[in-house]
């Protein structure tokens, strides 16, 4: 994925998240301490941001950092290259849940998940 594509994906997701939260660009600019024009340029994929500005957006919108890199129409798929990391993370969480179940005799995570969806 080229830099311009990443900027466009990031901007598209920033706009999607902002609109889901019912915020205008101006409102977000106040919450994040960034200028309205800067947020507009990011959403259009014309500018990139520093890690400091990224942190401000994360805090203002109260979302996980990876949410800005989701692709697909539903926003549920991760951009290319991210899947291996999430698979590894998921595997680690499953191992931890299994170890906790063995150590403390709690229910396995799958059983807990099944109960919440009933």
N, C-alpha and C. Protein backbone atom coordinates (compact mmCIF):
# COMPACT_ATOMS: atom_id res chain seq x y z
N UNK A 1 0.85 -1.17 0.00
CA UNK A 1 0.00 0.00 0.00
C UNK A 1 0.90 1.23 0.00
N UNK A 2 0.70 2.11 -0.95
CA UNK A 2 1.52 3.31 -1.09
C UNK A 2 1.10 4.37 -0.08
N UNK A 3 2.01 5.33 0.14
CA UNK A 3 1.75 6.38 1.11
C UNK A 3 0.48 7.16 0.84
N UNK A 4 0.21 7.48 -0.42
CA UNK A 4 -1.00 8.23 -0.75
C UNK A 4 -2.25 7.42 -0.43
N UNK A 5 -2.19 6.11 -0.65
CA UNK A 5 -3.34 5.25 -0.34
C UNK A 5 -3.58 5.20 1.17
N UNK A 6 -2.51 5.15 1.93
CA UNK A 6 -2.63 5.12 3.39
C UNK A 6 -3.24 6.43 3.88
N UNK A 7 -2.79 7.54 3.32
CA UNK A 7 -3.36 8.84 3.71
C UNK A 7 -4.85 8.90 3.40
N UNK A 8 -5.24 8.42 2.22
CA UNK A 8 -6.66 8.42 1.85
C UNK A 8 -7.48 7.51 2.77
N UNK A 9 -6.95 6.32 3.06
CA UNK A 9 -7.64 5.39 3.96
C UNK A 9 -7.80 5.99 5.34
N UNK A 10 -6.72 6.58 5.85
CA UNK A 10 -6.76 7.21 7.17
C UNK A 10 -7.80 8.32 7.18
N UNK A 11 -7.77 9.18 6.16
CA UNK A 11 -8.71 10.29 6.08
C UNK A 11 -10.15 9.84 5.99
N UNK A 12 -10.39 8.81 5.21
CA UNK A 12 -11.74 8.26 5.07
C UNK A 12 -12.24 7.75 6.42
N UNK A 13 -11.38 7.06 7.14
CA UNK A 13 -11.78 6.52 8.44
C UNK A 13 -11.93 7.62 9.49
N UNK A 14 -11.10 8.63 9.42
CA UNK A 14 -11.25 9.76 10.34
C UNK A 14 -12.62 10.39 10.14
N UNK A 15 -12.98 10.62 8.90
CA UNK A 15 -14.29 11.22 8.61
C UNK A 15 -15.42 10.31 9.07
N UNK A 16 -15.30 9.00 8.80
CA UNK A 16 -16.34 8.04 9.20
C UNK A 16 -16.53 8.05 10.72
N UNK A 17 -15.44 7.99 11.45
CA UNK A 17 -15.51 7.98 12.92
C UNK A 17 -16.08 9.29 13.44
N UNK A 18 -15.61 10.39 12.86
CA UNK A 18 -16.10 11.71 13.28
C UNK A 18 -17.60 11.83 13.07
N UNK A 19 -18.08 11.41 11.91
CA UNK A 19 -19.51 11.49 11.62
C UNK A 19 -20.32 10.54 12.49
N UNK A 20 -19.78 9.35 12.76
CA UNK A 20 -20.48 8.41 13.65
C UNK A 20 -20.68 9.01 15.03
N UNK A 21 -19.76 9.86 15.43
CA UNK A 21 -19.86 10.49 16.74
C UNK A 21 -20.61 11.82 16.69
N UNK A 22 -21.10 12.17 15.51
CA UNK A 22 -21.90 13.38 15.37
C UNK A 22 -21.11 14.67 15.51
N UNK A 23 -19.84 14.63 15.15
CA UNK A 23 -19.00 15.81 15.27
C UNK A 23 -18.74 16.45 13.92
N UNK A 24 -18.73 17.76 13.89
CA UNK A 24 -18.28 18.48 12.70
C UNK A 24 -16.76 18.55 12.74
N UNK A 25 -16.16 18.94 11.63
CA UNK A 25 -14.71 19.12 11.62
C UNK A 25 -14.32 20.20 12.63
N UNK A 26 -15.11 21.22 12.72
CA UNK A 26 -14.82 22.30 13.66
C UNK A 26 -14.86 21.80 15.10
N UNK A 27 -15.89 21.04 15.45
CA UNK A 27 -16.00 20.50 16.81
C UNK A 27 -14.81 19.60 17.13
N UNK A 28 -14.44 18.74 16.17
CA UNK A 28 -13.29 17.86 16.40
C UNK A 28 -12.02 18.67 16.56
N UNK A 29 -11.89 19.72 15.78
CA UNK A 29 -10.68 20.55 15.88
C UNK A 29 -10.54 21.14 17.29
N UNK A 30 -11.65 21.54 17.88
CA UNK A 30 -11.62 22.08 19.24
C UNK A 30 -11.25 20.98 20.23
N UNK A 31 -11.91 19.83 20.10
CA UNK A 31 -11.65 18.71 21.03
C UNK A 31 -10.21 18.22 20.96
N UNK A 32 -9.66 18.19 19.75
CA UNK A 32 -8.31 17.64 19.55
C UNK A 32 -7.21 18.69 19.66
N UNK A 33 -7.58 19.95 19.65
CA UNK A 33 -6.57 21.00 19.70
C UNK A 33 -5.80 21.12 18.39
N UNK A 34 -6.48 20.85 17.28
CA UNK A 34 -5.90 20.97 15.95
C UNK A 34 -6.73 21.97 15.16
N UNK A 35 -6.21 22.45 14.06
CA UNK A 35 -6.98 23.41 13.28
C UNK A 35 -7.99 22.69 12.40
N UNK A 36 -9.08 23.40 12.13
CA UNK A 36 -10.12 22.88 11.25
C UNK A 36 -9.56 22.55 9.87
N UNK A 37 -8.72 23.45 9.34
CA UNK A 37 -8.13 23.23 8.01
C UNK A 37 -7.25 21.99 7.99
N UNK A 38 -6.52 21.75 9.07
CA UNK A 38 -5.65 20.57 9.14
C UNK A 38 -6.48 19.29 9.12
N UNK A 39 -7.57 19.26 9.88
CA UNK A 39 -8.44 18.08 9.89
C UNK A 39 -9.06 17.88 8.51
N UNK A 40 -9.47 18.95 7.87
CA UNK A 40 -10.02 18.87 6.52
C UNK A 40 -8.99 18.28 5.56
N UNK A 41 -7.76 18.75 5.62
CA UNK A 41 -6.70 18.25 4.74
C UNK A 41 -6.39 16.77 5.00
N UNK A 42 -6.44 16.36 6.26
CA UNK A 42 -6.20 14.95 6.59
C UNK A 42 -7.33 14.10 6.02
N UNK A 43 -8.56 14.53 6.21
CA UNK A 43 -9.71 13.77 5.70
C UNK A 43 -9.68 13.64 4.18
N UNK A 44 -9.15 14.64 3.50
CA UNK A 44 -9.04 14.58 2.03
C UNK A 44 -7.82 13.79 1.58
N UNK A 45 -6.99 13.36 2.54
CA UNK A 45 -5.79 12.61 2.19
C UNK A 45 -4.66 13.47 1.66
N UNK A 46 -4.74 14.76 1.88
CA UNK A 46 -3.74 15.69 1.36
C UNK A 46 -2.57 15.91 2.31
N UNK A 47 -2.80 15.68 3.60
CA UNK A 47 -1.73 15.87 4.59
C UNK A 47 -1.66 14.65 5.49
N UNK A 48 -0.50 14.46 6.06
CA UNK A 48 -0.27 13.41 7.06
C UNK A 48 -0.09 14.10 8.39
N UNK A 49 -0.04 13.35 9.45
CA UNK A 49 0.04 13.94 10.77
C UNK A 49 1.17 13.33 11.58
N UNK A 50 1.59 14.06 12.57
CA UNK A 50 2.65 13.59 13.47
C UNK A 50 2.05 12.62 14.47
N UNK A 51 2.90 11.92 15.18
CA UNK A 51 2.41 11.01 16.21
C UNK A 51 1.69 11.79 17.30
N UNK A 52 2.12 13.01 17.57
CA UNK A 52 1.45 13.84 18.57
C UNK A 52 0.03 14.18 18.13
N UNK A 53 -0.14 14.57 16.87
CA UNK A 53 -1.47 14.88 16.36
C UNK A 53 -2.34 13.62 16.32
N UNK A 54 -1.75 12.50 15.97
CA UNK A 54 -2.47 11.23 15.96
C UNK A 54 -2.99 10.93 17.37
N UNK A 55 -2.15 11.11 18.36
CA UNK A 55 -2.56 10.90 19.74
C UNK A 55 -3.70 11.82 20.16
N UNK A 56 -3.67 13.05 19.68
CA UNK A 56 -4.75 13.99 19.99
C UNK A 56 -6.08 13.52 19.39
N UNK A 57 -6.03 13.01 18.16
CA UNK A 57 -7.26 12.50 17.53
C UNK A 57 -7.79 11.28 18.25
N UNK A 58 -6.89 10.38 18.63
CA UNK A 58 -7.28 9.18 19.36
C UNK A 58 -7.98 9.57 20.66
N UNK A 59 -7.40 10.50 21.38
CA UNK A 59 -7.98 10.95 22.64
C UNK A 59 -9.32 11.66 22.44
N UNK A 60 -9.38 12.54 21.47
CA UNK A 60 -10.60 13.31 21.23
C UNK A 60 -11.76 12.42 20.79
N UNK A 61 -11.45 11.40 19.99
CA UNK A 61 -12.50 10.52 19.48
C UNK A 61 -12.71 9.28 20.34
N UNK A 62 -11.78 9.05 21.27
CA UNK A 62 -11.86 7.90 22.17
C UNK A 62 -12.00 6.58 21.41
N UNK A 63 -11.08 6.36 20.46
CA UNK A 63 -11.06 5.13 19.68
C UNK A 63 -9.67 4.51 19.71
N UNK A 64 -9.59 3.24 19.39
CA UNK A 64 -8.31 2.54 19.31
C UNK A 64 -7.57 3.00 18.06
N UNK A 65 -6.26 3.07 18.11
CA UNK A 65 -5.48 3.54 16.96
C UNK A 65 -5.73 2.76 15.67
N UNK A 66 -5.94 1.47 15.78
CA UNK A 66 -6.10 0.67 14.56
C UNK A 66 -7.37 1.03 13.78
N UNK A 67 -8.34 1.67 14.42
CA UNK A 67 -9.59 2.02 13.75
C UNK A 67 -9.38 2.95 12.55
N UNK A 68 -8.28 3.67 12.55
CA UNK A 68 -8.01 4.59 11.44
C UNK A 68 -7.44 3.87 10.22
N UNK A 69 -7.13 2.59 10.37
CA UNK A 69 -6.51 1.84 9.28
C UNK A 69 -7.38 0.70 8.79
N UNK A 70 -8.67 0.73 9.10
CA UNK A 70 -9.60 -0.28 8.64
C UNK A 70 -9.95 -0.03 7.18
N UNK A 71 -10.12 -1.11 6.45
CA UNK A 71 -10.53 -0.98 5.06
C UNK A 71 -11.81 -1.76 4.84
N UNK A 72 -12.41 -1.61 3.69
CA UNK A 72 -13.66 -2.30 3.38
C UNK A 72 -14.84 -1.40 3.63
N UNK A 73 -15.96 -1.75 3.02
CA UNK A 73 -17.15 -0.90 3.11
C UNK A 73 -17.72 -0.85 4.51
N UNK A 74 -17.65 -1.96 5.24
CA UNK A 74 -18.21 -1.97 6.58
C UNK A 74 -17.24 -1.48 7.62
N UNK A 75 -15.98 -1.27 7.24
CA UNK A 75 -14.99 -0.82 8.19
C UNK A 75 -14.55 -1.91 9.14
N UNK A 76 -14.87 -3.17 8.82
CA UNK A 76 -14.53 -4.25 9.72
C UNK A 76 -13.28 -5.00 9.33
N UNK A 77 -12.82 -4.82 8.11
CA UNK A 77 -11.63 -5.51 7.65
C UNK A 77 -10.42 -4.63 7.88
N UNK A 78 -9.31 -5.26 8.18
CA UNK A 78 -8.10 -4.48 8.38
C UNK A 78 -7.36 -4.30 7.07
N UNK A 79 -6.65 -3.22 6.98
CA UNK A 79 -5.84 -2.94 5.79
C UNK A 79 -4.79 -4.02 5.63
N UNK A 80 -4.34 -4.19 4.42
CA UNK A 80 -3.33 -5.21 4.14
C UNK A 80 -2.12 -5.02 5.02
N UNK A 81 -1.60 -6.10 5.54
CA UNK A 81 -0.41 -6.04 6.37
C UNK A 81 -0.71 -6.05 7.85
N UNK A 82 -1.94 -5.76 8.23
CA UNK A 82 -2.26 -5.71 9.66
C UNK A 82 -2.71 -7.06 10.19
N UNK A 83 -3.28 -7.89 9.35
CA UNK A 83 -3.84 -9.17 9.80
C UNK A 83 -2.87 -10.03 10.59
N UNK A 84 -1.63 -10.23 10.15
CA UNK A 84 -0.73 -11.10 10.93
C UNK A 84 -0.54 -10.64 12.37
N UNK A 85 -0.52 -9.34 12.58
CA UNK A 85 -0.34 -8.82 13.92
C UNK A 85 -1.56 -9.10 14.79
N UNK A 86 -2.75 -8.93 14.21
CA UNK A 86 -3.96 -9.19 14.98
C UNK A 86 -4.15 -10.67 15.24
N UNK A 87 -3.77 -11.50 14.30
CA UNK A 87 -3.85 -12.94 14.50
C UNK A 87 -2.94 -13.33 15.66
N UNK A 88 -1.72 -12.80 15.67
CA UNK A 88 -0.79 -13.09 16.75
C UNK A 88 -1.34 -12.59 18.08
N UNK A 89 -1.92 -11.41 18.09
CA UNK A 89 -2.51 -10.85 19.30
C UNK A 89 -3.66 -11.71 19.78
N UNK A 90 -4.51 -12.14 18.86
CA UNK A 90 -5.64 -13.00 19.21
C UNK A 90 -5.17 -14.31 19.79
N UNK A 91 -4.14 -14.89 19.18
CA UNK A 91 -3.58 -16.14 19.70
C UNK A 91 -3.04 -15.95 21.11
N UNK A 92 -2.37 -14.84 21.34
CA UNK A 92 -1.83 -14.55 22.68
C UNK A 92 -2.95 -14.42 23.71
N UNK A 93 -4.04 -13.74 23.34
CA UNK A 93 -5.17 -13.59 24.26
C UNK A 93 -5.81 -14.94 24.57
N UNK A 94 -5.92 -15.78 23.56
CA UNK A 94 -6.50 -17.10 23.78
C UNK A 94 -5.63 -17.94 24.71
N UNK A 95 -4.32 -17.86 24.53
CA UNK A 95 -3.40 -18.60 25.41
C UNK A 95 -3.51 -18.09 26.84
N UNK A 96 -3.59 -16.78 27.00
CA UNK A 96 -3.72 -16.22 28.34
C UNK A 96 -5.02 -16.66 28.99
N UNK A 97 -6.12 -16.66 28.23
CA UNK A 97 -7.41 -17.09 28.77
C UNK A 97 -7.35 -18.54 29.20
N UNK A 98 -6.70 -19.36 28.39
CA UNK A 98 -6.57 -20.79 28.72
C UNK A 98 -5.74 -20.97 30.00
N UNK A 99 -4.64 -20.23 30.12
CA UNK A 99 -3.80 -20.32 31.32
C UNK A 99 -4.55 -19.87 32.56
N UNK A 100 -5.34 -18.80 32.44
CA UNK A 100 -6.13 -18.33 33.58
C UNK A 100 -7.18 -19.36 33.97
N UNK A 101 -7.78 -19.99 32.97
CA UNK A 101 -8.79 -21.01 33.24
C UNK A 101 -8.16 -22.17 33.99
N UNK A 102 -6.96 -22.58 33.58
CA UNK A 102 -6.28 -23.68 34.25
C UNK A 102 -5.86 -23.28 35.67
N UNK A 103 -5.37 -22.08 35.82
CA UNK A 103 -4.86 -21.64 37.11
C UNK A 103 -5.96 -21.39 38.13
N UNK A 104 -7.04 -20.75 37.68
CA UNK A 104 -8.07 -20.33 38.63
C UNK A 104 -9.39 -21.08 38.48
N UNK A 105 -9.46 -21.99 37.54
CA UNK A 105 -10.66 -22.79 37.37
C UNK A 105 -11.85 -22.00 36.84
N UNK A 106 -11.57 -20.91 36.14
CA UNK A 106 -12.66 -20.13 35.56
C UNK A 106 -13.09 -20.77 34.26
N UNK A 107 -14.23 -20.29 33.75
CA UNK A 107 -14.74 -20.84 32.50
C UNK A 107 -13.86 -20.39 31.34
N UNK A 108 -13.72 -21.24 30.34
CA UNK A 108 -12.96 -20.82 29.15
C UNK A 108 -13.63 -19.62 28.47
N UNK A 109 -12.84 -18.85 27.78
CA UNK A 109 -13.36 -17.63 27.13
C UNK A 109 -14.49 -17.94 26.17
N UNK A 110 -14.42 -19.07 25.45
CA UNK A 110 -15.47 -19.41 24.49
C UNK A 110 -16.81 -19.60 25.20
N UNK A 111 -16.78 -20.22 26.37
CA UNK A 111 -18.02 -20.42 27.13
C UNK A 111 -18.59 -19.10 27.60
N UNK A 112 -17.74 -18.19 28.00
CA UNK A 112 -18.19 -16.87 28.45
C UNK A 112 -18.81 -16.12 27.28
N UNK A 113 -18.15 -16.18 26.12
CA UNK A 113 -18.65 -15.52 24.93
C UNK A 113 -20.00 -16.08 24.55
N UNK A 114 -20.16 -17.41 24.60
CA UNK A 114 -21.43 -18.03 24.23
C UNK A 114 -22.56 -17.57 25.13
N UNK A 115 -22.29 -17.38 26.41
CA UNK A 115 -23.33 -16.96 27.36
C UNK A 115 -23.79 -15.54 27.07
N UNK A 116 -22.88 -14.68 26.63
CA UNK A 116 -23.25 -13.28 26.39
C UNK A 116 -24.05 -13.13 25.12
N UNK A 117 -23.98 -14.09 24.21
CA UNK A 117 -24.71 -13.96 22.95
C UNK A 117 -26.05 -14.66 22.99
N UNK A 118 -26.41 -15.30 24.10
CA UNK A 118 -27.69 -16.01 24.19
C UNK A 118 -28.84 -15.04 24.31
